[in-house]
Amino acid sequence: MRVTRLLPAAAAVLALAGCGSGGETKSVPPAATGSLESLAAEVKCKPNMQTDADEIRQAICTNGDGKFILATFATDRGQREWINDAKDYGGYYLVGRKWVAVGDDGVVKALRGTLGGDVEIGVDHHAHHG
């Protein structure tokens, strides 16, 4: 199964998430590591598994900060390819070692306060139609 087939699910969550309140994080801890379940437990969400494959595990999560996609990857290369393709859908990406959380700006900032990681921003194509 190609990882790019999973991107529409991430796009759907971004559409459902809407705009966040955009709370600022005060300090950023070292990037978390671990399984999808352990990362989800750190941010107090029960993952709703969407994909459970060798190369990617992906779930929809909801916690007090909002709704987001949480995905873990078997390889760094698989993760980078997924992120590069997903960025075409816009959104905000919190990136750690072999994991990514995708949501609106406020959710990603809140998650970063717990999980650490680096924020990457997708391309907004809404301004390019016409």
Protein backbone atom coordinates (compact mmCIF):
# COMPACT_ATOMS: atom_id res chain seq x y z
CA MET A 1 0.00 0.00 0.00
CA ARG A 2 1.38 3.42 -0.91
CA VAL A 3 1.57 5.89 1.96
CA THR A 4 0.14 8.67 -0.25
CA ARG A 5 -3.26 6.93 -0.25
CA LEU A 6 -3.57 7.90 3.41
CA LEU A 7 -3.30 11.63 2.78
CA PRO A 8 -7.01 12.24 2.16
CA ALA A 9 -7.70 11.15 5.75
CA ALA A 10 -5.27 13.77 7.02
CA ALA A 11 -6.89 16.37 4.77
CA ALA A 12 -10.32 15.44 6.12
CA VAL A 13 -9.19 15.96 9.71
CA LEU A 14 -7.71 19.32 8.79
CA ALA A 15 -11.04 20.35 7.28
CA LEU A 16 -12.92 19.17 10.37
CA ALA A 17 -10.52 20.86 12.77
CA GLY A 18 -11.27 24.38 11.60
CA CYS A 19 -9.36 27.26 13.09
CA GLY A 20 -7.81 27.04 16.54
CA SER A 21 -7.41 29.60 19.28
CA GLY A 22 -3.63 29.60 18.81
CA GLY A 23 -2.32 29.33 22.39
CA GLU A 24 1.42 29.84 22.71
CA THR A 25 3.67 27.21 24.24
CA LYS A 26 6.05 28.48 26.92
CA SER A 27 8.81 25.88 26.63
CA VAL A 28 9.45 22.99 24.30
CA PRO A 29 10.58 19.68 25.78
CA PRO A 30 12.88 17.27 23.94
CA ALA A 31 10.99 15.42 21.19
CA ALA A 32 9.09 12.42 22.49
CA THR A 33 9.70 8.92 21.15
CA GLY A 34 7.70 5.74 21.25
CA SER A 35 4.76 3.89 19.77
CA LEU A 36 1.61 5.55 18.55
CA GLU A 37 -0.16 4.40 21.71
CA SER A 38 2.52 5.81 24.02
CA LEU A 39 2.54 9.17 22.20
CA ALA A 40 -1.27 9.28 22.36
CA ALA A 41 -1.16 8.53 26.09
CA GLU A 42 1.25 11.43 26.64
CA VAL A 43 -1.26 13.87 25.13
CA LYS A 44 -4.26 12.19 26.79
CA CYS A 45 -6.08 10.88 23.74
CA LYS A 46 -7.47 7.46 22.92
CA PRO A 47 -6.36 6.83 19.32
CA ASN A 48 -9.04 5.86 16.80
CA MET A 49 -6.87 3.70 14.51
CA GLN A 50 -7.34 4.37 10.79
CA THR A 51 -4.30 2.55 9.39
CA ASP A 52 -2.24 -0.20 10.99
CA ALA A 53 0.36 -1.25 8.43
CA ASP A 54 4.05 -2.13 8.59
CA GLU A 55 5.20 1.21 7.18
CA ILE A 56 2.69 3.54 8.87
CA ARG A 57 0.27 3.54 11.78
CA GLN A 58 -2.23 6.37 11.73
CA ALA A 59 -5.01 7.37 14.11
CA ILE A 60 -7.45 10.21 14.67
CA CYS A 61 -7.10 11.67 18.15
CA THR A 62 -9.17 14.13 20.14
CA ASN A 63 -8.14 15.63 23.46
CA GLY A 64 -8.80 18.86 25.35
CA ASP A 65 -6.82 20.82 22.74
CA GLY A 66 -8.81 19.57 19.73
CA LYS A 67 -8.76 16.99 16.96
CA PHE A 68 -5.62 15.84 15.14
CA ILE A 69 -4.00 13.01 13.19
CA LEU A 70 -1.21 11.10 14.90
CA ALA A 71 0.99 8.88 12.74
CA THR A 72 4.09 6.81 13.34
CA PHE A 73 6.42 5.52 10.65
CA ALA A 74 8.75 2.55 10.24
CA THR A 75 11.45 4.65 8.55
CA ASP A 76 12.66 8.25 8.48
CA ARG A 77 12.40 8.23 4.68
CA GLY A 78 8.77 7.05 4.77
CA GLN A 79 7.97 9.79 7.26
CA ARG A 80 9.61 12.53 5.15
CA GLU A 81 7.87 11.36 1.95
CA TRP A 82 4.50 11.36 3.74
CA ILE A 83 5.05 14.85 5.18
CA ASN A 84 6.24 16.27 1.85
CA ASP A 85 3.13 14.90 0.09
CA ALA A 86 0.77 15.89 2.92
CA LYS A 87 1.97 19.49 3.00
CA ASP A 88 0.15 20.05 -0.30
CA TYR A 89 -3.07 19.85 1.75
CA GLY A 90 -2.00 22.72 4.02
CA GLY A 91 -2.17 22.47 7.78
CA TYR A 92 0.32 22.35 10.60
CA TYR A 93 2.66 19.43 11.26
CA LEU A 94 4.40 18.64 14.52
CA VAL A 95 7.33 16.44 13.57
CA GLY A 96 9.32 14.14 15.84
CA ARG A 97 11.53 11.12 15.25
CA LYS A 98 9.37 8.75 13.15
CA TRP A 99 6.10 10.42 14.18
CA VAL A 100 3.96 13.36 13.14
CA ALA A 101 0.87 15.06 14.54
CA VAL A 102 -1.28 17.03 12.08
CA GLY A 103 -3.88 19.60 13.06
CA ASP A 104 -4.65 23.28 13.18
CA ASP A 105 -2.18 25.83 14.53
CA GLY A 106 -3.55 25.93 18.08
CA VAL A 107 -3.65 22.14 18.46
CA VAL A 108 -0.11 21.71 17.12
CA LYS A 109 1.23 24.41 19.45
CA ALA A 110 -0.47 22.76 22.43
CA LEU A 111 0.84 19.30 21.48
CA ARG A 112 4.35 20.70 21.08
CA GLY A 113 4.28 21.73 24.75
CA THR A 114 4.02 18.03 25.66
CA LEU A 115 5.62 16.11 22.77
CA GLY A 116 8.34 18.54 21.69
CA GLY A 117 9.27 18.30 18.03
CA ASP A 118 9.45 20.82 15.20
CA VAL A 119 6.55 22.63 13.55
CA GLU A 120 6.28 22.57 9.76
CA ILE A 121 3.56 24.41 7.84
CA GLY A 122 1.83 23.10 4.74
CA VAL A 123 1.11 25.06 1.58
CA ASP A 124 -2.20 26.96 1.48
CA HIS A 125 -3.51 26.53 -2.06
CA HIS A 126 -6.71 28.50 -1.44
CA ALA A 127 -5.00 31.68 -2.65
CA HIS A 128 -3.87 29.98 -5.87
CA HIS A 129 -7.19 29.17 -7.54
CA GLY A 130 -8.66 31.37 -10.16
